[in-house]
């Protein structure tokens, strides 16, 4: 294992990846401003639904989040240029993680992946060539890196793609009904909109998605099929970028391919003037035992987390329990209806509140389809009434949900006082009707 982790290899792939990565996180940061994402998601809402346990974490007041994202963009440029690299990447990682924890209305698996990759980038020596840090301090210049700096990215993406494939193997995906719903929302697209409504396209996307996600990593690792995998990756990710508009993720995924090629190929393509390292010496650090434990432990957690929904009662497509952090990407659509009934304990008077007026348009569907958000909303209501000197019971009534356009089913038990309920993280919540 020491040879696998600590063998020294040429660092060309990591250096080039750093430049692409820094550019992409810069574009992600400033793009959130110019596309209106920050306004819709972080400024317009009166409050955001943070990850449970981080309810205290709310957006900066006024237009503070614009400045926040501008600063993140500057740190992204610092990563790209290799200027004050450690400060830049650590600062970006912290700021990006905080925004991830700050809201759920725009939850995306890709945002979670960006946290993980940013943490990797905090650890690897990506700034030791072709960087301003080297210009300022030539003593740090290096043309090599430990082998693990390459494989952390490969293993992580193998986990992402493998679960992306396995999670698609269910009835609504295999009969293309969910793909049909996705494509119907793209019917207005210029030129391609009508083509996307064709049934053969739905089957191609459904089964092509399973095959691509399941095979792309092995095909990239095997030299004879690497070029085919590259061509398929370019088509797949450009298609996703155009049709699904998922930000930087398609381009970031293409950048990961750098790590699958022989370092000599990357060196010849991008850094011809750099001396190529090929001694392949093994340098085992003093902390190797701890490093190996952390390395193995981290990836065991990454493999285990997406499996947890199998140990939780109910269908994850409906209940959402075990959905997050599981690479369940673009798998289903949900819609729902709900009422929130507040009962004043002192008078017995009950009121159906108009919850639509209390949240932003992006948050409304969550209040009918996401149990964790529904629970958080009730905690907020409970606190609001308590501040008014009232003790209340709160019930979720007339709650129904539809998954992938199917008939609506009862969703939340209407007889449970949700104001008394605690949140369960790793077990089934009995108030969710499975």
Protein backbone atom coordinates (compact mmCIF):
# COMPACT_ATOMS: atom_id res chain seq x y z
CA UNK A 1 0.00 0.00 0.00
CA UNK A 2 2.95 2.32 0.65
CA UNK A 3 3.99 1.93 -2.99
CA UNK A 4 0.48 2.71 -4.24
CA UNK A 5 0.01 5.78 -2.06
CA UNK A 6 3.48 7.27 -1.77
CA UNK A 7 5.20 6.47 -5.05
CA UNK A 8 6.32 9.80 -6.53
CA UNK A 9 4.91 10.58 -9.99
CA UNK A 10 4.92 13.56 -12.34
CA UNK A 11 2.53 16.30 -11.19
CA UNK A 12 1.49 17.68 -14.60
CA UNK A 13 -2.12 16.45 -14.32
CA UNK A 14 -2.60 18.06 -10.91
CA UNK A 15 -1.08 21.38 -12.03
CA UNK A 16 -3.31 21.58 -15.10
CA UNK A 17 -6.34 20.48 -13.08
CA UNK A 18 -5.66 23.26 -10.56
CA UNK A 19 -5.82 25.85 -13.31
CA UNK A 20 -9.08 24.48 -14.73
CA UNK A 21 -10.56 24.02 -11.26
CA UNK A 22 -9.72 27.57 -10.20
CA UNK A 23 -11.26 28.98 -13.37
CA UNK A 24 -14.43 26.92 -12.91
CA UNK A 25 -15.00 27.89 -9.28
CA UNK A 26 -14.43 31.53 -10.27
CA UNK A 27 -17.10 31.18 -12.98
CA UNK A 28 -19.44 29.36 -10.57
CA UNK A 29 -19.12 32.21 -8.07
CA UNK A 30 -19.64 35.13 -10.44
CA UNK A 31 -22.18 33.16 -12.49
CA UNK A 32 -24.42 32.88 -9.43
CA UNK A 33 -24.60 36.68 -9.42
CA UNK A 34 -25.29 37.28 -13.11
CA UNK A 35 -27.83 34.47 -13.51
CA UNK A 36 -29.91 35.79 -10.62
CA UNK A 37 -29.35 32.63 -8.55
CA UNK A 38 -28.21 34.58 -5.49
CA UNK A 39 -31.21 36.90 -5.63
CA UNK A 40 -33.74 34.08 -6.03
CA UNK A 41 -32.15 31.76 -3.51
CA UNK A 42 -30.46 33.86 -0.85
CA UNK A 43 -31.81 37.42 -1.02
CA UNK A 44 -35.50 37.23 -1.93
CA UNK A 45 -36.55 34.66 0.75
CA UNK A 46 -37.33 36.03 4.20
CA UNK A 47 -35.35 33.08 5.55
CA UNK A 48 -33.70 29.97 4.16
CA UNK A 49 -34.07 26.36 5.17
CA UNK A 50 -30.55 25.50 6.28
CA UNK A 51 -29.32 21.97 6.81
CA UNK A 52 -30.71 20.67 10.09
CA UNK A 53 -28.41 21.69 12.91
CA UNK A 54 -27.31 24.81 11.03
CA UNK A 55 -30.52 26.84 11.31
CA UNK A 56 -28.46 29.70 12.77
CA UNK A 57 -26.67 29.94 9.43
CA UNK A 58 -28.56 32.47 7.32
CA UNK A 59 -27.55 34.68 4.36
CA UNK A 60 -25.92 38.03 5.01
CA UNK A 61 -28.47 40.86 5.17
CA UNK A 62 -29.24 43.16 2.26
CA UNK A 63 -26.97 42.58 -0.70
CA UNK A 64 -24.19 41.10 1.43
CA UNK A 65 -24.30 37.78 -0.44
CA UNK A 66 -23.20 39.52 -3.63
CA UNK A 67 -20.03 40.63 -1.88
CA UNK A 68 -19.69 37.14 -0.40
CA UNK A 69 -19.73 35.53 -3.84
CA UNK A 70 -17.40 38.13 -5.32
CA UNK A 71 -14.88 37.29 -2.59
CA UNK A 72 -15.31 33.58 -3.35
CA UNK A 73 -14.65 34.35 -7.00
CA UNK A 74 -11.45 36.18 -6.09
CA UNK A 75 -10.29 33.16 -4.12
CA UNK A 76 -11.10 31.04 -7.19
CA UNK A 77 -8.77 33.21 -9.23
CA UNK A 78 -6.15 32.77 -6.52
CA UNK A 79 -6.45 28.99 -6.93
CA UNK A 80 -6.20 29.22 -10.73
CA UNK A 81 -3.14 31.46 -10.62
CA UNK A 82 -1.58 29.65 -7.70
CA UNK A 83 -1.36 32.85 -5.68
CA UNK A 84 -1.43 32.39 -1.91
CA UNK A 85 -2.77 28.99 -2.90
CA UNK A 86 -3.35 27.48 0.53
CA UNK A 87 -5.15 30.57 1.78
CA UNK A 88 -7.22 30.80 -1.40
CA UNK A 89 -8.35 27.19 -1.54
CA UNK A 90 -9.05 26.87 2.19
CA UNK A 91 -11.02 30.13 2.20
CA UNK A 92 -13.03 29.08 -0.84
CA UNK A 93 -13.73 25.66 0.68
CA UNK A 94 -15.01 27.17 3.93
CA UNK A 95 -17.14 29.78 2.16
CA UNK A 96 -18.60 27.28 -0.32
CA UNK A 97 -19.39 24.81 2.47
CA UNK A 98 -21.19 27.52 4.42
CA UNK A 99 -23.38 28.37 1.43
CA UNK A 100 -24.13 24.67 0.96
CA UNK A 101 -25.27 24.38 4.57
CA UNK A 102 -27.16 27.67 4.35
CA UNK A 103 -30.03 26.65 2.09
CA UNK A 104 -31.87 23.68 0.55
CA UNK A 105 -34.08 25.30 -2.08
CA UNK A 106 -31.36 24.73 -4.68
CA UNK A 107 -29.92 21.53 -3.29
CA UNK A 108 -27.72 19.77 -5.79
CA UNK A 109 -25.44 16.74 -5.50
CA UNK A 110 -22.87 18.67 -7.50
CA UNK A 111 -22.62 21.29 -4.76
CA UNK A 112 -21.78 18.51 -2.31
CA UNK A 113 -19.21 17.07 -4.71
CA UNK A 114 -17.57 20.47 -5.00
CA UNK A 115 -17.07 20.51 -1.23
CA UNK A 116 -15.30 17.14 -1.35
CA UNK A 117 -13.09 18.11 -4.27
CA UNK A 118 -12.24 21.42 -2.64
CA UNK A 119 -11.14 19.58 0.49
CA UNK A 120 -8.90 17.37 -1.66
CA UNK A 121 -7.46 20.50 -3.26
CA UNK A 122 -6.65 21.84 0.21
CA UNK A 123 -4.49 18.77 0.81
CA UNK A 124 -2.65 18.27 -2.47
CA UNK A 125 0.47 20.24 -3.55
CA UNK A 126 -1.22 21.72 -6.62
CA UNK A 127 0.64 25.02 -6.48
CA UNK A 128 4.21 23.80 -6.82
CA UNK A 129 4.51 24.43 -10.53
CA UNK A 130 3.15 27.07 -12.95
CA UNK A 131 2.01 29.29 -10.09
CA UNK A 132 2.62 32.76 -8.77
CA UNK A 133 3.63 31.17 -5.48
CA UNK A 134 6.56 29.55 -7.27
CA UNK A 135 7.46 32.88 -8.91
CA UNK A 136 7.52 34.50 -5.48
CA UNK A 137 9.24 31.60 -3.72
CA UNK A 138 11.15 29.34 -6.18
CA UNK A 139 12.19 27.04 -3.34
CA UNK A 140 8.76 25.38 -3.31
CA UNK A 141 8.95 24.42 -6.98
CA UNK A 142 8.44 20.71 -7.63
CA UNK A 143 7.70 18.50 -10.62
CA UNK A 144 6.47 15.50 -8.64
CA UNK A 145 3.72 14.45 -6.24
CA UNK A 146 2.67 11.33 -4.29
CA UNK A 147 0.51 8.89 -6.25
CA UNK A 148 -2.41 9.33 -3.84
CA UNK A 149 -2.84 12.89 -5.15
CA UNK A 150 -4.04 11.36 -8.38
CA UNK A 151 -6.05 8.47 -7.01
CA UNK A 152 -8.21 10.40 -4.54
CA UNK A 153 -9.89 12.04 -7.52
CA UNK A 154 -10.22 8.79 -9.48
CA UNK A 155 -11.71 6.83 -6.57
CA UNK A 156 -14.10 9.64 -5.65
CA UNK A 157 -15.41 9.91 -9.20
CA UNK A 158 -15.69 6.12 -9.43
CA UNK A 159 -18.01 6.20 -6.41
CA UNK A 160 -20.06 9.07 -7.84
CA UNK A 161 -20.53 7.47 -11.25
CA UNK A 162 -21.14 3.95 -9.93
CA UNK A 163 -23.95 5.09 -7.66
CA UNK A 164 -25.22 7.36 -10.41
CA UNK A 165 -25.66 4.23 -12.53
CA UNK A 166 -27.03 1.89 -9.85
CA UNK A 167 -29.56 4.44 -8.60
CA UNK A 168 -31.09 4.67 -12.08
CA UNK A 169 -32.03 0.99 -12.10
CA UNK A 170 -35.64 1.31 -11.00
CA UNK A 171 -39.00 1.02 -12.76
CA UNK A 172 -39.75 4.67 -13.61
CA UNK A 173 -36.30 5.15 -15.11
CA UNK A 174 -36.27 1.87 -17.02
CA UNK A 175 -39.66 2.52 -18.65
CA UNK A 176 -38.47 6.11 -19.42
CA UNK A 177 -41.49 7.73 -17.73
CA UNK A 178 -39.28 9.99 -15.60
CA UNK A 179 -37.12 10.93 -18.60
CA UNK A 180 -40.28 11.84 -20.49
CA UNK A 181 -41.25 14.26 -17.72
CA UNK A 182 -37.78 15.83 -17.74
CA UNK A 183 -37.82 16.27 -21.52
CA UNK A 184 -41.34 17.69 -21.59
CA UNK A 185 -40.01 20.61 -19.55
CA UNK A 186 -37.45 21.21 -22.34
CA UNK A 187 -39.99 21.28 -25.19
CA UNK A 188 -39.60 25.04 -25.62
CA UNK A 189 -35.86 24.72 -26.38
CA UNK A 190 -34.90 26.09 -29.77
CA UNK A 191 -34.26 23.37 -32.43
CA UNK A 192 -33.72 20.46 -30.00
CA UNK A 193 -36.95 20.87 -28.00
CA UNK A 194 -39.13 18.78 -30.31
CA UNK A 195 -36.44 16.14 -30.83
CA UNK A 196 -36.24 15.64 -27.06
CA UNK A 197 -39.89 14.54 -27.06
CA UNK A 198 -39.17 11.50 -29.26
CA UNK A 199 -39.55 8.15 -27.49
CA UNK A 200 -36.33 6.76 -28.94
CA UNK A 201 -34.50 9.72 -27.40
CA UNK A 202 -35.98 8.86 -24.00
CA UNK A 203 -34.76 5.26 -24.25
CA UNK A 204 -31.36 6.40 -25.46
CA UNK A 205 -30.99 8.80 -22.54
CA UNK A 206 -32.33 6.36 -19.94
CA UNK A 207 -30.22 3.35 -20.87
CA UNK A 208 -27.32 5.42 -22.18
CA UNK A 209 -27.18 7.15 -18.79
CA UNK A 210 -26.99 3.83 -16.95
CA UNK A 211 -24.31 2.48 -19.26
CA UNK A 212 -22.25 5.67 -19.32
CA UNK A 213 -22.23 6.11 -15.54
CA UNK A 214 -21.50 2.45 -14.94
CA UNK A 215 -18.75 2.00 -17.54
CA UNK A 216 -16.99 5.35 -17.96
CA UNK A 217 -14.49 4.84 -15.12
CA UNK A 218 -13.36 1.34 -16.22
CA UNK A 219 -13.17 2.55 -19.84
CA UNK A 220 -11.03 5.53 -18.84
CA UNK A 221 -8.71 3.37 -16.76
CA UNK A 222 -8.18 0.88 -19.61
CA UNK A 223 -5.87 2.45 -22.21
CA UNK A 224 -7.37 0.81 -25.35
CA UNK A 225 -10.85 2.22 -24.53
CA UNK A 226 -9.75 5.56 -23.11
CA UNK A 227 -10.28 7.53 -26.32
CA UNK A 228 -13.80 6.11 -26.72
CA UNK A 229 -14.58 7.06 -23.11
CA UNK A 230 -13.28 10.57 -23.73
CA UNK A 231 -15.50 11.02 -26.80
CA UNK A 232 -18.54 9.69 -24.93
CA UNK A 233 -17.74 11.96 -21.96
CA UNK A 234 -17.55 15.05 -24.14
CA UNK A 235 -20.94 14.25 -25.71
CA UNK A 236 -22.55 13.30 -22.40
CA UNK A 237 -21.39 16.34 -20.45
CA UNK A 238 -21.96 18.90 -23.20
CA UNK A 239 -25.48 17.51 -23.60
CA UNK A 240 -26.07 17.91 -19.85
CA UNK A 241 -24.62 21.42 -19.91
CA UNK A 242 -27.00 22.51 -22.69
CA UNK A 243 -30.17 20.62 -21.76
CA UNK A 244 -30.05 20.51 -17.97
CA UNK A 245 -27.92 23.60 -17.33
CA UNK A 246 -26.15 22.21 -14.27
CA UNK A 247 -23.50 24.88 -13.91
CA UNK A 248 -19.82 23.95 -13.92
CA UNK A 249 -20.29 20.25 -13.18
CA UNK A 250 -20.08 18.95 -16.79
CA UNK A 251 -16.84 20.85 -17.35
CA UNK A 252 -15.44 19.83 -13.97
CA UNK A 253 -16.20 16.21 -14.84
CA UNK A 254 -14.28 16.58 -18.09
CA UNK A 255 -11.35 18.10 -16.18
CA UNK A 256 -11.16 14.99 -13.98
CA UNK A 257 -10.21 12.98 -17.07
CA UNK A 258 -6.73 14.52 -16.75
CA UNK A 259 -6.01 12.08 -13.92
CA UNK A 260 -6.87 9.02 -16.03
CA UNK A 261 -4.26 9.65 -18.69
CA UNK A 262 -0.60 8.76 -18.35
CA UNK A 263 1.15 11.79 -16.79
CA UNK A 264 3.49 11.85 -19.78
CA UNK A 265 0.55 12.51 -22.12
CA UNK A 266 -0.66 15.44 -20.01
CA UNK A 267 2.90 16.74 -19.80
CA UNK A 268 3.30 16.72 -23.59
CA UNK A 269 -0.08 18.31 -24.22
CA UNK A 270 -0.03 21.10 -21.66
CA UNK A 271 3.41 21.57 -20.08
CA UNK A 272 6.04 20.81 -22.70
CA UNK A 273 8.55 23.21 -21.18
CA UNK A 274 8.35 21.47 -17.81
CA UNK A 275 10.88 18.77 -16.97
CA UNK A 276 9.15 15.40 -16.78
CA UNK A 277 9.57 13.39 -13.58
CA UNK A 278 9.94 9.62 -14.02
CA UNK A 279 12.10 8.37 -11.16
CA UNK A 280 9.10 6.81 -9.36
CA UNK A 281 10.85 6.83 -6.00
CA UNK A 282 8.84 6.01 -2.88
CA UNK A 283 8.83 8.53 -0.06
CA UNK A 284 6.93 7.25 2.95
CA UNK A 285 6.05 10.07 5.37
CA UNK A 286 6.29 9.70 9.14
CA UNK A 287 2.51 9.96 9.43
CA UNK A 288 1.87 7.17 6.89
CA UNK A 289 -0.09 4.93 9.28
CA UNK A 290 -2.49 7.72 10.19
CA UNK A 291 -2.78 8.77 6.57
CA UNK A 292 -3.70 5.26 5.44
CA UNK A 293 -6.34 4.97 8.16
CA UNK A 294 -7.90 8.28 7.13
CA UNK A 295 -7.66 7.43 3.43
CA UNK A 296 -9.40 4.07 3.81
CA UNK A 297 -11.88 5.34 6.39
CA UNK A 298 -12.96 8.27 4.23
CA UNK A 299 -13.71 6.12 1.20
CA UNK A 300 -15.51 3.51 3.30
CA UNK A 301 -17.82 6.30 4.48
CA UNK A 302 -18.27 7.47 0.88
CA UNK A 303 -19.26 3.93 -0.14
CA UNK A 304 -21.51 3.44 2.89
CA UNK A 305 -23.50 6.69 2.95
CA UNK A 306 -25.39 6.08 -0.31
CA UNK A 307 -26.49 2.67 0.97
CA UNK A 308 -28.17 3.90 4.12
CA UNK A 309 -31.64 4.28 2.60
CA UNK A 310 -31.81 0.48 2.23
CA UNK A 311 -31.81 0.28 6.04
CA UNK A 312 -34.55 2.90 6.44
CA UNK A 313 -38.18 1.91 6.11
CA UNK A 314 -40.04 3.21 3.07
CA UNK A 315 -39.26 4.21 -0.51
CA UNK A 316 -36.54 6.87 -0.61
CA UNK A 317 -38.13 8.36 -3.75
CA UNK A 318 -41.14 9.28 -1.65
CA UNK A 319 -39.84 9.72 1.90
CA UNK A 320 -36.51 11.43 0.98
CA UNK A 321 -34.88 9.62 3.93
CA UNK A 322 -31.36 8.76 2.83
CA UNK A 323 -31.61 10.84 -0.35
CA UNK A 324 -28.95 13.45 0.30
CA UNK A 325 -25.22 12.70 0.05
CA UNK A 326 -26.09 9.58 -1.96
CA UNK A 327 -25.47 10.58 -5.58
CA UNK A 328 -29.15 10.23 -6.40
CA UNK A 329 -28.91 12.64 -9.32
CA UNK A 330 -31.80 13.62 -11.61
CA UNK A 331 -33.84 10.56 -10.66
CA UNK A 332 -37.37 11.75 -10.01
CA UNK A 333 -39.83 14.61 -9.93
CA UNK A 334 -42.16 15.31 -7.04
CA UNK A 335 -45.16 17.51 -6.48
CA UNK A 336 -47.39 17.79 -3.46
CA UNK A 337 -50.24 19.48 -1.67
CA UNK A 338 -50.37 20.27 2.02
CA UNK A 339 -52.02 22.35 4.75
CA UNK A 340 -50.60 23.34 8.12
CA UNK A 341 -53.09 23.46 10.97
CA UNK A 342 -52.25 25.39 14.15
CA UNK A 343 -54.26 24.68 17.31
CA UNK A 344 -54.11 27.16 20.20
CA UNK A 345 -53.82 25.01 23.35
CA UNK A 346 -55.47 27.61 25.58
CA UNK A 347 -58.57 28.17 23.44
CA UNK A 348 -58.74 25.06 21.28
CA UNK A 349 -59.13 27.29 18.23
CA UNK A 350 -57.63 25.86 15.05
CA UNK A 351 -56.36 27.79 12.04
CA UNK A 352 -55.15 26.72 8.62
CA UNK A 353 -52.28 29.07 7.90
CA UNK A 354 -51.42 30.42 4.47
CA UNK A 355 -47.90 29.06 4.30
CA UNK A 356 -47.46 30.16 0.67
CA UNK A 357 -47.23 33.78 1.77
CA UNK A 358 -44.48 32.95 4.26
CA UNK A 359 -41.93 31.53 1.82
CA UNK A 360 -40.44 32.28 -1.59
CA UNK A 361 -41.64 30.59 -4.82
CA UNK A 362 -38.55 28.33 -4.82
CA UNK A 363 -39.38 27.13 -1.31
CA UNK A 364 -43.08 26.36 -1.79
CA UNK A 365 -42.81 22.91 -3.32
CA UNK A 366 -40.44 21.85 -0.53
CA UNK A 367 -43.13 22.57 2.06
CA UNK A 368 -45.23 19.85 0.45
CA UNK A 369 -42.60 17.31 -0.62
CA UNK A 370 -39.56 17.47 1.70
CA UNK A 371 -40.19 16.06 5.20
CA UNK A 372 -37.09 17.69 6.72
CA UNK A 373 -38.13 21.11 5.40
CA UNK A 374 -41.70 20.57 6.60
CA UNK A 375 -40.37 19.74 10.07
CA UNK A 376 -38.12 22.81 10.08
CA UNK A 377 -41.00 25.03 9.01
CA UNK A 378 -43.06 23.75 11.92
CA UNK A 379 -40.24 24.44 14.37
CA UNK A 380 -40.13 27.97 13.03
CA UNK A 381 -43.91 28.33 13.45
CA UNK A 382 -43.71 26.96 16.98
CA UNK A 383 -41.04 29.50 17.90
CA UNK A 384 -43.01 32.33 16.29
CA UNK A 385 -46.15 31.54 18.28
CA UNK A 386 -44.15 31.09 21.47
CA UNK A 387 -42.71 34.58 21.00
CA UNK A 388 -46.32 35.79 20.88
CA UNK A 389 -47.01 34.06 24.19
CA UNK A 390 -48.99 31.18 22.69
CA UNK A 391 -48.55 27.45 23.20
CA UNK A 392 -49.71 25.60 20.11
CA UNK A 393 -50.08 22.21 18.51
CA UNK A 394 -49.22 22.02 14.82
CA UNK A 395 -50.49 19.37 12.43
CA UNK A 396 -49.70 18.64 8.80
CA UNK A 397 -53.06 17.87 7.18
CA UNK A 398 -54.29 16.96 3.70
CA UNK A 399 -50.72 16.07 2.81
CA UNK A 400 -50.36 14.20 -0.46
CA UNK A 401 -47.41 13.67 -2.77
CA UNK A 402 -46.95 12.50 -6.33
CA UNK A 403 -43.71 10.90 -7.54
CA UNK A 404 -42.97 10.97 -11.26
CA UNK A 405 -46.48 12.04 -12.19
CA UNK A 406 -48.16 9.08 -10.49
CA UNK A 407 -51.42 9.41 -8.51
CA UNK A 408 -51.14 11.38 -5.28
CA UNK A 409 -50.62 9.36 -2.11
CA UNK A 410 -51.01 10.30 1.54
CA UNK A 411 -47.69 11.58 2.81
CA UNK A 412 -47.71 12.82 6.41
CA UNK A 413 -49.73 11.45 9.35
CA UNK A 414 -52.31 14.19 10.10
CA UNK A 415 -52.89 13.02 13.69
CA UNK A 416 -49.42 13.73 15.05
CA UNK A 417 -48.62 17.01 16.78
CA UNK A 418 -45.50 17.91 14.86
CA UNK A 419 -44.57 20.60 17.37
CA UNK A 420 -43.57 17.78 19.73
CA UNK A 421 -41.61 15.74 17.21
CA UNK A 422 -37.82 15.51 17.15
CA UNK A 423 -35.92 15.01 13.92
CA UNK A 424 -34.49 11.56 13.14
CA UNK A 425 -31.40 11.54 10.95
CA UNK A 426 -30.57 7.89 10.35
CA UNK A 427 -33.85 6.08 11.11
CA UNK A 428 -37.35 6.25 9.69
CA UNK A 429 -39.63 8.96 11.07
CA UNK A 430 -42.98 7.27 11.80
CA UNK A 431 -44.96 10.41 10.95
CA UNK A 432 -43.91 9.98 7.32
CA UNK A 433 -46.34 7.56 5.68
CA UNK A 434 -44.29 5.09 3.63
